Amino acid sequence: MQPGEIHAICGENGAGKSTLMKVLSGVHPSGSYEGTIVFDGEEVSFSSINDSEAKGIVIIHQELALIPHLSVAENIFLGNERSRAGIINWHEANAQAGDLLAKVGLKENPVTPVGYLGVGKQQLVEIAKALSKNVRLLILDEPTAALNDDDSAHLLNLIRGLRDEGVTCIIISHKLGEVAEIADSTTVIRDGATIETIDMHKAGAEAEAEGAGAESGLSRRIIRGMVGRDMENMYPERQPDIGEEVFRIEGWSVTHPTQPGRVMVKDASLNVRAGEVVGIAGLMGAGRTELAMSVFGQSYGRDIRGTAFVHGQEVSLGSVSEAIRHGIAYVSEDRKQYGLNLIEDVRRNVTSAALKKVAPRGYINTHEEIAVAERYRSSLNIKAPSVLSVVEKLSGGNQQKVVLSKWLYTEPELLILDEPTRGIDVGAKYEIYSIINKLAASGKAIIVISSELPEVLGICDRIYTLAEGRITGDVPVAEADQETLMELMTAEPITAETH
């Protein structure tokens, strides 16, 4: 790589992308691997991440390394405090943090606890934290996975600005359109080995000369290298068979859990039918996750008001157990924090939300528990050595399948999927889409929340748009495109009618 170059690393989950970057950044110390690292023309070795940062190498991991109870400013300067004579200068720290937040486009007070922010905003705090150091090589592992199109575009422009300032960037990303748009070169790896390194400018020009669009031609080439085959259609075909209404909310409002008076969701009304896949699209902060979590047993928010109906009957959703009892399941956008017990095995995770089914007399039937986990391992194609494998060791796509298995075992009628393909590769995404299609075909009602507009357009039958906590549109997918959705997502909120 050359100074001021943006280099992308692409590969399926488990191909070795993150491991390679951990070696480069000192997370895996010298001696734990074979081979050499050459930086600025000299061979280097790192015993820790502090050694790599001293050389100007900073890594932002896909799994965020923030302390939720500390403020944004405290997290940004953690280990790099703004102090004199051992005393922290909070005025200077907060002022500098404010400047960094402005640079990454995050409009938050530096004294706000990080735990109050959503995953997408926390990602921007991580990037601000990296920029607070003397960065010469910035490694970003799935930096836009939790961001919507507008915020992703802002971040990519920020990375371009760093390149223009001479900062070299390595990006690991599954968003191939993004890779084609921003990368100067791309290395494709499969099963821990380099397949090829592509000069993106030259390859893009060649694709256009052959009559294909540069971006689509590059994406196909990268996919072929990643999975060893062509994938003609990113979204599996489905013939919807939509039945009666399964779930409906009317006049749903949610207040922020710690900031009284700050309304996160206002008078939302929506419905979903059996066999229907309904999308929810909105910019960051629009209230998508807040809406979903509040519906799932009031697991977010306070002063929750509104009415919920299951099969036309009004129900109470005052707790998670009540929501599960009424046939509602929620797959969180943050599977590692809210969806999985990482130190437990596949078996225990799969049965955890409906443990009574394998413990009818208060004692877990281990044989039945293993049989249940094996059934889901087979039907959802979970790639693990056995159901006794620890979930933490699985790739992101397979972890997501374990979360899906856990909630499918509760036999829900409504399945809410919040960013179901976040941080997983194109092959695993296709498998998740196929699972969604099978669930819809079996009569499940499904709500999909996604920051990727092509995804909601590719897998949904109908799409609700949110802006500032209010529903601004309810559009059949046949009448929708990215421009229409973006216009609704940035529109003045109106009250949408349900169908």
Protein backbone atom coordinates (compact mmCIF):
# COMPACT_ATOMS: atom_id res chain seq x y z
CA MET A 1 0.00 0.00 0.00
CA GLN A 2 1.03 3.57 -0.73
CA PRO A 3 0.71 6.54 1.66
CA GLY A 4 -2.72 8.13 1.36
CA GLU A 5 -4.30 5.03 -0.18
CA ILE A 6 -7.64 3.47 0.71
CA HIS A 7 -7.27 -0.31 0.62
CA ALA A 8 -10.26 -2.62 1.09
CA ILE A 9 -10.16 -6.17 2.43
CA CYS A 10 -13.06 -8.41 1.35
CA GLY A 11 -13.93 -11.98 2.23
CA GLU A 12 -16.64 -14.14 3.74
CA ASN A 13 -17.10 -14.36 7.49
CA GLY A 14 -14.35 -16.56 8.85
CA ALA A 15 -12.01 -15.89 5.91
CA GLY A 16 -9.44 -14.28 8.24
CA LYS A 17 -9.96 -10.55 7.61
CA SER A 18 -10.25 -9.44 11.22
CA THR A 19 -7.50 -11.81 12.35
CA LEU A 20 -5.13 -10.32 9.79
CA MET A 21 -5.90 -6.79 11.00
CA LYS A 22 -5.42 -7.83 14.63
CA VAL A 23 -1.94 -9.06 13.72
CA LEU A 24 -1.15 -5.77 12.00
CA SER A 25 -2.37 -3.70 14.97
CA GLY A 26 -0.66 -5.67 17.72
CA VAL A 27 -3.79 -7.24 19.17
CA HIS A 28 -2.16 -10.58 18.27
CA PRO A 29 1.43 -9.99 19.46
CA SER A 30 4.64 -10.82 17.67
CA GLY A 31 5.44 -14.51 18.08
CA SER A 32 1.83 -15.63 17.79
CA TYR A 33 2.02 -15.70 14.00
CA GLU A 34 4.45 -16.39 11.14
CA GLY A 35 5.60 -13.82 8.61
CA THR A 36 6.76 -10.20 8.74
CA ILE A 37 5.18 -6.75 8.88
CA VAL A 38 6.87 -3.96 6.95
CA PHE A 39 5.81 -0.40 7.80
CA ASP A 40 7.41 2.66 6.20
CA GLY A 41 10.06 0.46 4.63
CA GLU A 42 11.23 -1.21 7.83
CA GLU A 43 10.33 -4.48 9.47
CA VAL A 44 8.34 -3.96 12.68
CA SER A 45 6.91 -6.16 15.41
CA PHE A 46 4.35 -5.27 18.03
CA SER A 47 3.91 -6.78 21.47
CA SER A 48 0.71 -4.87 22.16
CA ILE A 49 -1.74 -2.42 20.67
CA ASN A 50 0.17 0.38 22.42
CA ASP A 51 3.24 -0.47 20.33
CA SER A 52 1.29 -0.21 17.07
CA GLU A 53 -0.37 3.05 18.12
CA ALA A 54 3.07 4.51 18.90
CA LYS A 55 3.85 3.96 15.21
CA GLY A 56 0.59 5.64 14.19
CA ILE A 57 -1.47 2.51 13.49
CA VAL A 58 -4.98 2.71 14.93
CA ILE A 59 -7.66 0.03 14.57
CA ILE A 60 -11.41 0.44 15.06
CA HIS A 61 -12.90 -2.98 15.71
CA GLN A 62 -16.29 -4.12 14.55
CA GLU A 63 -17.11 -4.84 18.18
CA LEU A 64 -17.08 -1.43 19.81
CA ALA A 65 -14.63 -0.84 22.67
CA LEU A 66 -16.51 1.83 24.61
CA ILE A 67 -17.44 2.11 28.29
CA PRO A 68 -21.19 2.85 28.44
CA HIS A 69 -21.19 4.66 31.80
CA LEU A 70 -18.47 7.12 30.78
CA SER A 71 -19.20 10.24 28.75
CA VAL A 72 -18.45 10.61 25.05
CA ALA A 73 -15.45 12.83 25.85
CA GLU A 74 -14.14 10.41 28.49
CA ASN A 75 -14.31 7.55 25.99
CA ILE A 76 -12.59 9.54 23.25
CA PHE A 77 -9.61 10.40 25.45
CA LEU A 78 -9.50 7.23 27.55
CA GLY A 79 -5.80 6.42 28.03
CA ASN A 80 -4.96 9.65 26.23
CA GLU A 81 -6.39 12.11 28.77
CA ARG A 82 -6.09 15.89 28.44
CA SER A 83 -4.31 16.61 31.70
CA ARG A 84 -1.67 18.76 33.33
CA ALA A 85 0.24 17.72 36.45
CA GLY A 86 -1.99 14.68 36.70
CA ILE A 87 -5.21 16.72 36.73
CA ILE A 88 -7.65 16.33 33.84
CA ASN A 89 -8.66 19.56 32.12
CA TRP A 90 -12.33 18.80 31.50
CA HIS A 91 -12.97 22.05 29.66
CA GLU A 92 -10.23 21.23 27.15
CA ALA A 93 -11.32 17.59 26.85
CA ASN A 94 -14.97 18.46 26.21
CA ALA A 95 -14.06 21.23 23.76
CA GLN A 96 -11.74 18.97 21.75
CA ALA A 97 -14.27 16.15 21.87
CA GLY A 98 -16.88 18.54 20.48
CA ASP A 99 -14.58 19.40 17.57
CA LEU A 100 -13.99 15.72 16.83
CA LEU A 101 -17.70 14.92 17.00
CA ALA A 102 -18.36 17.74 14.53
CA LYS A 103 -15.74 16.28 12.21
CA VAL A 104 -17.47 12.89 12.15
CA GLY A 105 -20.90 14.52 11.90
CA LEU A 106 -22.28 13.46 15.28
CA LYS A 107 -24.48 16.07 16.95
CA GLU A 108 -24.23 14.96 20.57
CA ASN A 109 -23.12 16.69 23.76
CA PRO A 110 -19.62 15.44 24.75
CA VAL A 111 -20.81 14.90 28.34
CA THR A 112 -23.56 12.47 27.26
CA PRO A 113 -22.93 8.92 28.54
CA VAL A 114 -22.04 6.67 25.61
CA GLY A 115 -24.56 4.07 26.81
CA TYR A 116 -27.38 6.47 25.91
CA LEU A 117 -26.38 6.38 22.24
CA GLY A 118 -27.44 3.85 19.64
CA VAL A 119 -24.98 1.48 17.97
CA GLY A 120 -24.55 3.69 14.91
CA LYS A 121 -23.72 6.76 16.97
CA GLN A 122 -21.31 4.75 19.11
CA GLN A 123 -19.48 3.78 15.92
CA LEU A 124 -18.95 7.46 15.16
CA VAL A 125 -17.60 8.00 18.68
CA GLU A 126 -15.06 5.23 17.99
CA ILE A 127 -13.97 7.01 14.83
CA ALA A 128 -13.65 10.31 16.70
CA LYS A 129 -11.55 8.46 19.29
CA ALA A 130 -9.21 7.22 16.55
CA LEU A 131 -8.89 10.68 15.06
CA SER A 132 -7.79 12.05 18.45
CA LYS A 133 -4.51 10.13 18.02
CA ASN A 134 -1.66 10.77 15.58
CA VAL A 135 -3.02 8.43 12.92
CA ARG A 136 -0.90 7.38 9.95
CA LEU A 137 -2.62 4.08 9.19
CA LEU A 138 -6.29 3.80 10.14
CA ILE A 139 -7.87 0.32 10.07
CA LEU A 140 -11.68 0.24 10.06
CA ASP A 141 -13.47 -3.09 10.52
CA GLU A 142 -16.99 -2.75 9.07
CA PRO A 143 -17.18 0.99 9.85
CA THR A 144 -20.54 1.59 8.17
CA ALA A 145 -22.27 -1.68 9.13
CA ALA A 146 -24.59 0.10 11.58
CA LEU A 147 -25.04 3.29 9.54
CA ASN A 148 -27.75 4.30 7.11
CA ASP A 149 -27.03 5.60 3.60
CA ASP A 150 -26.68 9.28 4.55
CA ASP A 151 -24.40 8.61 7.51
CA SER A 152 -22.37 6.11 5.48
CA ALA A 153 -21.89 8.68 2.73
CA HIS A 154 -20.72 11.22 5.31
CA LEU A 155 -18.24 8.74 6.77
CA LEU A 156 -16.88 7.80 3.34
CA ASN A 157 -16.32 11.47 2.59
CA LEU A 158 -14.51 11.76 5.92
CA ILE A 159 -12.25 8.85 4.95
CA ARG A 160 -11.56 10.49 1.57
CA GLY A 161 -10.56 13.65 3.43
CA LEU A 162 -8.14 11.65 5.57
CA ARG A 163 -6.66 10.09 2.42
CA ASP A 164 -6.15 13.57 0.97
CA GLU A 165 -4.29 14.48 4.19
CA GLY A 166 -1.92 11.53 3.66
CA VAL A 167 -3.53 9.05 6.06
CA THR A 168 -3.55 5.49 4.73
CA CYS A 169 -6.80 3.61 5.41
CA ILE A 170 -7.64 -0.09 5.40
CA ILE A 171 -11.36 -0.87 5.29
CA ILE A 172 -12.93 -4.25 5.91
CA SER A 173 -16.42 -4.14 4.46
CA HIS A 174 -19.18 -6.39 3.17
CA LYS A 175 -20.83 -3.49 1.35
CA LEU A 176 -19.41 -4.10 -2.09
CA GLY A 177 -20.95 -1.00 -3.66
CA GLU A 178 -19.18 1.01 -0.97
CA VAL A 179 -15.89 -0.78 -1.69
CA ALA A 180 -16.19 -0.10 -5.41
CA GLU A 181 -16.96 3.55 -4.69
CA ILE A 182 -14.14 4.38 -2.29
CA ALA A 183 -11.28 1.87 -2.52
CA ASP A 184 -8.13 2.50 -4.55
CA SER A 185 -7.24 -1.17 -4.28
CA THR A 186 -8.92 -4.28 -2.89
CA THR A 187 -7.55 -7.58 -1.62
CA VAL A 188 -9.93 -10.55 -1.70
CA ILE A 189 -9.21 -13.38 0.74
CA ARG A 190 -10.81 -16.80 1.11
CA ASP A 191 -10.06 -19.41 3.76
CA GLY A 192 -7.13 -17.35 5.07
CA ALA A 193 -5.39 -17.03 1.69
CA THR A 194 -5.13 -14.11 -0.73
CA ILE A 195 -7.13 -14.74 -3.90
CA GLU A 196 -6.20 -11.51 -5.70
CA THR A 197 -5.46 -7.82 -5.20
CA ILE A 198 -7.38 -5.55 -7.56
CA ASP A 199 -6.44 -2.09 -8.81
CA MET A 200 -9.96 -0.66 -8.53
CA HIS A 201 -9.46 2.24 -10.93
CA LYS A 202 -8.01 0.04 -13.67
CA ALA A 203 -10.53 -2.78 -13.11
CA GLY A 204 -13.44 -0.32 -13.10
CA ALA A 205 -12.34 1.14 -16.42
CA GLU A 206 -12.01 -2.38 -17.87
CA ALA A 207 -15.52 -3.29 -16.67
CA GLU A 208 -16.99 -0.20 -18.34
CA ALA A 209 -15.09 -0.95 -21.56
CA GLU A 210 -16.67 -4.40 -21.57
CA GLY A 211 -20.13 -2.83 -21.37
CA ALA A 212 -20.77 -3.44 -17.68
CA GLY A 213 -21.10 -0.71 -15.07
CA ALA A 214 -17.87 -0.20 -13.16
CA GLU A 215 -19.49 -0.74 -9.75
CA SER A 216 -21.55 -3.80 -10.70
CA GLY A 217 -18.64 -5.33 -12.63
CA LEU A 218 -16.29 -4.89 -9.68
CA SER A 219 -18.86 -6.26 -7.23
CA ARG A 220 -19.34 -9.42 -9.29
CA ARG A 221 -15.58 -9.93 -9.52
CA ILE A 222 -15.15 -9.51 -5.75
CA ILE A 223 -18.07 -11.86 -4.96
CA ARG A 224 -16.64 -14.50 -7.29
CA GLY A 225 -13.33 -14.30 -5.46
CA MET A 226 -14.96 -14.36 -2.01
CA VAL A 227 -17.30 -17.31 -2.47
CA GLY A 228 -15.69 -19.08 -5.41
CA ARG A 229 -18.78 -18.71 -7.58
CA ASP A 230 -21.06 -16.11 -9.17
CA MET A 231 -24.15 -14.86 -7.36
CA GLU A 232 -26.48 -13.58 -10.06
CA ASN A 233 -29.27 -12.43 -7.75
CA MET A 234 -28.51 -10.85 -4.38
CA TYR A 235 -32.10 -11.42 -3.18
CA PRO A 236 -33.83 -14.80 -3.55
CA GLU A 237 -37.16 -14.69 -5.34
CA ARG A 238 -40.37 -15.07 -3.34
CA GLN A 239 -44.02 -15.25 -4.27
CA PRO A 240 -45.85 -13.67 -1.31
CA ASP A 241 -48.98 -15.36 0.04
CA ILE A 242 -50.33 -12.74 2.42
CA GLY A 243 -53.11 -13.65 4.83
CA GLU A 244 -54.99 -12.04 7.70
CA GLU A 245 -53.61 -9.36 9.99
CA VAL A 246 -51.41 -10.77 12.76
CA PHE A 247 -50.22 -7.65 14.58
CA ARG A 248 -51.18 -3.97 14.79
CA ILE A 249 -50.29 -0.96 16.94
CA GLU A 250 -52.22 2.30 17.07
CA GLY A 251 -51.12 5.66 18.47
CA TRP A 252 -47.87 4.23 19.83
CA SER A 253 -45.69 6.79 21.64
CA VAL A 254 -42.43 6.30 23.55
CA THR A 255 -40.43 8.71 25.72
CA HIS A 256 -36.66 8.53 26.18
CA PRO A 257 -35.83 6.40 29.27
CA THR A 258 -33.61 8.99 30.96
CA GLN A 259 -34.61 12.30 29.36
CA PRO A 260 -38.20 13.16 30.33
CA GLY A 261 -40.00 15.09 27.64
CA ARG A 262 -37.86 13.73 24.80
CA VAL A 263 -40.31 11.77 22.63
CA MET A 264 -38.61 9.07 20.56
CA VAL A 265 -41.72 7.63 18.90
CA LYS A 266 -44.89 9.67 18.37
CA ASP A 267 -48.35 8.33 17.46
CA ALA A 268 -47.04 5.46 15.34
CA SER A 269 -49.55 3.11 13.77
CA LEU A 270 -48.64 0.09 11.67
CA ASN A 271 -49.72 -3.44 10.93
CA VAL A 272 -48.35 -6.66 9.48
CA ARG A 273 -50.15 -9.71 8.08
CA ALA A 274 -49.40 -13.41 8.01
CA GLY A 275 -46.89 -14.24 5.29
CA GLU A 276 -45.95 -10.58 4.88
CA VAL A 277 -42.49 -9.03 5.20
CA VAL A 278 -42.81 -5.39 6.25
CA GLY A 279 -39.80 -3.07 6.24
CA ILE A 280 -39.10 -0.08 8.48
CA ALA A 281 -36.71 2.47 6.99
CA GLY A 282 -35.42 5.67 8.52
CA LEU A 283 -32.32 7.75 9.11
CA MET A 284 -30.26 7.32 12.26
CA GLY A 285 -32.21 8.67 15.23
CA ALA A 286 -35.56 8.30 13.48
CA GLY A 287 -36.80 5.89 16.16
CA ARG A 288 -36.71 2.53 14.38
CA THR A 289 -35.00 0.49 17.12
CA GLU A 290 -36.79 2.45 19.85
CA LEU A 291 -40.13 1.48 18.29
CA ALA A 292 -39.21 -2.18 17.98
CA MET A 293 -37.80 -2.52 21.49
CA SER A 294 -40.75 -0.73 23.07
CA VAL A 295 -43.15 -3.13 21.34
CA PHE A 296 -41.10 -6.06 22.60
CA GLY A 297 -42.26 -5.90 26.19
CA GLN A 298 -41.31 -2.27 26.79
CA SER A 299 -37.61 -3.20 26.74
CA TYR A 300 -36.90 0.43 25.80
CA GLY A 301 -38.41 3.72 26.92
CA ARG A 302 -40.85 5.04 29.49
CA ASP A 303 -44.36 6.49 29.41
CA ILE A 304 -45.19 4.08 26.59
CA ARG A 305 -48.68 4.71 25.29
CA GLY A 306 -50.78 3.23 22.56
CA THR A 307 -52.70 0.07 21.82
CA ALA A 308 -51.40 -3.27 20.51
CA PHE A 309 -53.49 -5.98 18.85
CA VAL A 310 -52.68 -9.61 18.06
CA HIS A 311 -55.16 -11.23 15.67
CA GLY A 312 -57.52 -8.32 16.31
CA GLN A 313 -57.53 -8.76 20.08
CA GLU A 314 -56.07 -6.01 22.27
CA VAL A 315 -53.10 -7.27 24.30
CA SER A 316 -50.81 -5.98 27.03
CA LEU A 317 -47.08 -5.88 26.22
CA GLY A 318 -45.83 -4.65 29.58
CA SER A 319 -42.93 -7.11 29.84
CA VAL A 320 -40.74 -9.27 27.62
CA SER A 321 -42.40 -12.42 28.96
CA GLU A 322 -45.81 -11.02 28.00
CA ALA A 323 -44.56 -10.20 24.51
CA ILE A 324 -43.20 -13.74 24.08
CA ARG A 325 -46.45 -15.20 25.42
CA HIS A 326 -48.36 -13.25 22.76
CA GLY A 327 -46.14 -14.66 20.02
CA ILE A 328 -43.72 -11.76 19.51
CA ALA A 329 -39.95 -12.23 19.07
CA TYR A 330 -37.27 -9.57 18.59
CA VAL A 331 -33.81 -10.11 17.09
CA SER A 332 -31.71 -7.15 18.26
CA GLU A 333 -29.37 -5.13 16.02
CA ASP A 334 -26.61 -5.83 18.58
CA ARG A 335 -26.59 -9.61 18.67
CA LYS A 336 -23.50 -9.88 20.90
CA GLN A 337 -24.84 -7.65 23.66
CA TYR A 338 -28.55 -8.44 23.60
CA GLY A 339 -28.95 -11.62 21.55
CA LEU A 340 -26.34 -14.11 22.69
CA ASN A 341 -24.53 -15.51 25.69
CA LEU A 342 -21.11 -15.56 24.04
CA ILE A 343 -19.42 -17.82 26.58
CA GLU A 344 -22.14 -20.48 26.28
CA ASP A 345 -22.51 -23.07 23.54
CA VAL A 346 -24.94 -23.21 20.62
CA ARG A 347 -27.23 -25.61 22.49
CA ARG A 348 -27.78 -23.35 25.51
CA ASN A 349 -28.28 -20.25 23.37
CA VAL A 350 -30.89 -21.91 21.14
CA THR A 351 -33.09 -23.02 24.05
CA SER A 352 -32.57 -20.00 26.33
CA ALA A 353 -35.72 -18.03 25.38
CA ALA A 354 -38.03 -21.04 25.83
CA LEU A 355 -36.23 -23.08 28.46
CA LYS A 356 -39.42 -24.52 29.93
CA LYS A 357 -39.94 -26.51 26.73
CA VAL A 358 -36.87 -28.63 27.54
CA ALA A 359 -37.39 -28.50 31.30
CA PRO A 360 -41.05 -29.43 31.84
CA ARG A 361 -40.49 -30.51 35.46
CA GLY A 362 -37.90 -27.90 36.33
CA TYR A 363 -34.96 -30.05 35.23
CA ILE A 364 -33.37 -29.60 31.81
CA ASN A 365 -33.65 -32.65 29.59
CA THR A 366 -30.14 -32.54 28.12
CA HIS A 367 -30.89 -35.06 25.37
CA GLU A 368 -33.91 -33.05 24.23
CA GLU A 369 -31.92 -29.81 24.42
CA ILE A 370 -29.23 -31.25 22.15
CA ALA A 371 -31.84 -32.62 19.75
CA VAL A 372 -33.53 -29.21 19.49
CA ALA A 373 -30.21 -27.45 18.83
CA GLU A 374 -29.23 -30.06 16.24
CA ARG A 375 -32.54 -29.54 14.45
CA TYR A 376 -31.92 -25.81 14.10
CA ARG A 377 -28.26 -26.32 13.28
CA SER A 378 -29.36 -28.44 10.34
CA SER A 379 -32.37 -26.41 9.15
CA LEU A 380 -30.58 -23.04 9.34
CA ASN A 381 -27.23 -24.42 8.16
CA ILE A 382 -25.31 -23.20 11.21
CA LYS A 383 -21.65 -23.89 10.50
CA ALA A 384 -20.26 -25.07 13.83
CA PRO A 385 -18.27 -28.19 14.72
CA SER A 386 -21.11 -29.23 17.05
CA VAL A 387 -23.96 -27.77 19.09
CA LEU A 388 -21.54 -27.82 22.02
CA SER A 389 -19.31 -25.24 20.28
CA VAL A 390 -18.97 -21.91 22.08
CA VAL A 391 -20.92 -19.21 20.23
CA GLU A 392 -18.13 -16.63 20.59
CA LYS A 393 -15.98 -18.70 18.22
CA LEU A 394 -18.52 -18.62 15.38
CA SER A 395 -18.51 -16.16 12.49
CA GLY A 396 -20.98 -13.26 12.50
CA GLY A 397 -23.33 -14.92 10.03
CA ASN A 398 -23.50 -18.12 12.05
CA GLN A 399 -23.98 -16.18 15.29
CA GLN A 400 -26.96 -14.47 13.64
CA LYS A 401 -28.42 -17.85 12.73
CA VAL A 402 -28.09 -18.94 16.37
CA VAL A 403 -30.03 -15.83 17.46
CA LEU A 404 -32.72 -16.61 14.87
CA SER A 405 -32.87 -20.20 16.11
CA LYS A 406 -33.36 -19.01 19.69
CA TRP A 407 -36.40 -16.95 18.78
CA LEU A 408 -37.82 -19.43 16.29
CA TYR A 409 -37.85 -22.00 19.11
CA THR A 410 -40.36 -19.77 20.92
CA GLU A 411 -42.70 -20.38 17.95
CA PRO A 412 -43.50 -16.68 17.36
CA GLU A 413 -46.22 -15.36 15.11
CA LEU A 414 -44.48 -12.00 14.69
CA LEU A 415 -40.72 -11.87 14.20
CA ILE A 416 -39.05 -8.45 14.39
CA LEU A 417 -35.60 -8.44 12.80
CA ASP A 418 -33.48 -5.36 13.59
CA GLU A 419 -30.57 -5.06 11.11
CA PRO A 420 -30.60 -8.85 10.50
CA THR A 421 -27.62 -8.81 8.10
CA ARG A 422 -25.45 -6.23 9.84
CA GLY A 423 -21.77 -7.16 9.65
CA ILE A 424 -22.16 -10.40 7.67
CA ASP A 425 -20.91 -11.25 4.20
CA VAL A 426 -22.88 -11.55 0.96
CA GLY A 427 -23.08 -15.34 1.08
CA ALA A 428 -24.43 -15.34 4.63
CA LYS A 429 -26.81 -12.50 3.77
CA TYR A 430 -28.34 -14.61 1.00
CA GLU A 431 -28.86 -17.44 3.48
CA ILE A 432 -30.58 -15.06 5.95
CA TYR A 433 -32.83 -13.75 3.17
CA SER A 434 -33.73 -17.33 2.23
CA ILE A 435 -34.61 -18.08 5.87
CA ILE A 436 -36.84 -14.98 5.98
CA ASN A 437 -38.59 -16.15 2.82
CA LYS A 438 -39.21 -19.62 4.29
CA LEU A 439 -40.61 -18.12 7.48
CA ALA A 440 -42.95 -15.88 5.50
CA ALA A 441 -44.05 -18.85 3.39
CA SER A 442 -44.89 -20.71 6.62
CA GLY A 443 -47.27 -17.89 7.61
CA LYS A 444 -45.08 -15.87 9.96
CA ALA A 445 -45.52 -12.10 10.06
CA ILE A 446 -42.13 -10.41 9.76
CA ILE A 447 -40.89 -6.88 10.35
CA VAL A 448 -37.41 -6.03 9.02
CA ILE A 449 -35.56 -2.90 10.15
CA SER A 450 -32.62 -2.06 7.91
CA SER A 451 -30.30 0.86 7.21
CA GLU A 452 -29.72 -0.49 3.69
CA LEU A 453 -32.45 0.69 1.34
CA PRO A 454 -31.61 -1.89 -1.37
CA GLU A 455 -32.16 -4.58 1.28
CA VAL A 456 -35.66 -3.44 2.30
CA LEU A 457 -36.53 -3.02 -1.38
CA GLY A 458 -35.16 -6.47 -2.16
CA ILE A 459 -36.88 -8.54 0.54
CA CYS A 460 -40.01 -6.65 1.73
CA ASP A 461 -43.60 -6.52 0.50
CA ARG A 462 -44.36 -3.15 2.07
CA ILE A 463 -42.22 -0.44 3.68
CA TYR A 464 -42.97 2.05 6.45
CA THR A 465 -40.75 5.12 6.66
CA LEU A 466 -39.92 6.95 9.88
CA ALA A 467 -38.72 10.51 10.45
CA GLU A 468 -38.20 12.06 13.88
CA GLY A 469 -40.18 9.28 15.54
CA ARG A 470 -43.24 9.57 13.30
CA ILE A 471 -44.38 7.37 10.45
CA THR A 472 -44.20 9.37 7.20
CA GLY A 473 -45.15 6.74 4.67
CA ASP A 474 -46.52 3.26 4.03
CA VAL A 475 -45.43 2.20 0.55
CA PRO A 476 -45.96 -1.10 -1.33
CA VAL A 477 -42.57 -2.25 -2.58
CA ALA A 478 -43.85 -2.25 -6.17
CA GLU A 479 -44.28 1.53 -5.89
CA ALA A 480 -41.03 2.21 -4.01
CA ASP A 481 -37.49 3.10 -4.98
CA GLN A 482 -34.56 4.55 -3.06
CA GLU A 483 -35.39 8.13 -4.02
CA THR A 484 -39.01 7.79 -2.90
CA LEU A 485 -38.01 6.26 0.42
CA MET A 486 -35.31 8.86 1.08
CA GLU A 487 -37.79 11.64 0.38
CA LEU A 488 -40.21 10.14 2.92
CA MET A 489 -37.42 9.52 5.45
CA THR A 490 -36.51 13.21 5.36
CA ALA A 491 -40.08 14.53 5.10
CA GLU A 492 -42.04 16.47 7.68
CA PRO A 493 -43.70 13.77 9.80
CA ILE A 494 -47.36 13.03 9.10
CA THR A 495 -49.80 10.53 10.52
CA ALA A 496 -49.83 7.45 8.29
CA GLU A 497 -52.91 5.29 7.87
CA THR A 498 -52.65 1.57 8.34
CA HIS A 499 -53.95 -0.88 5.80
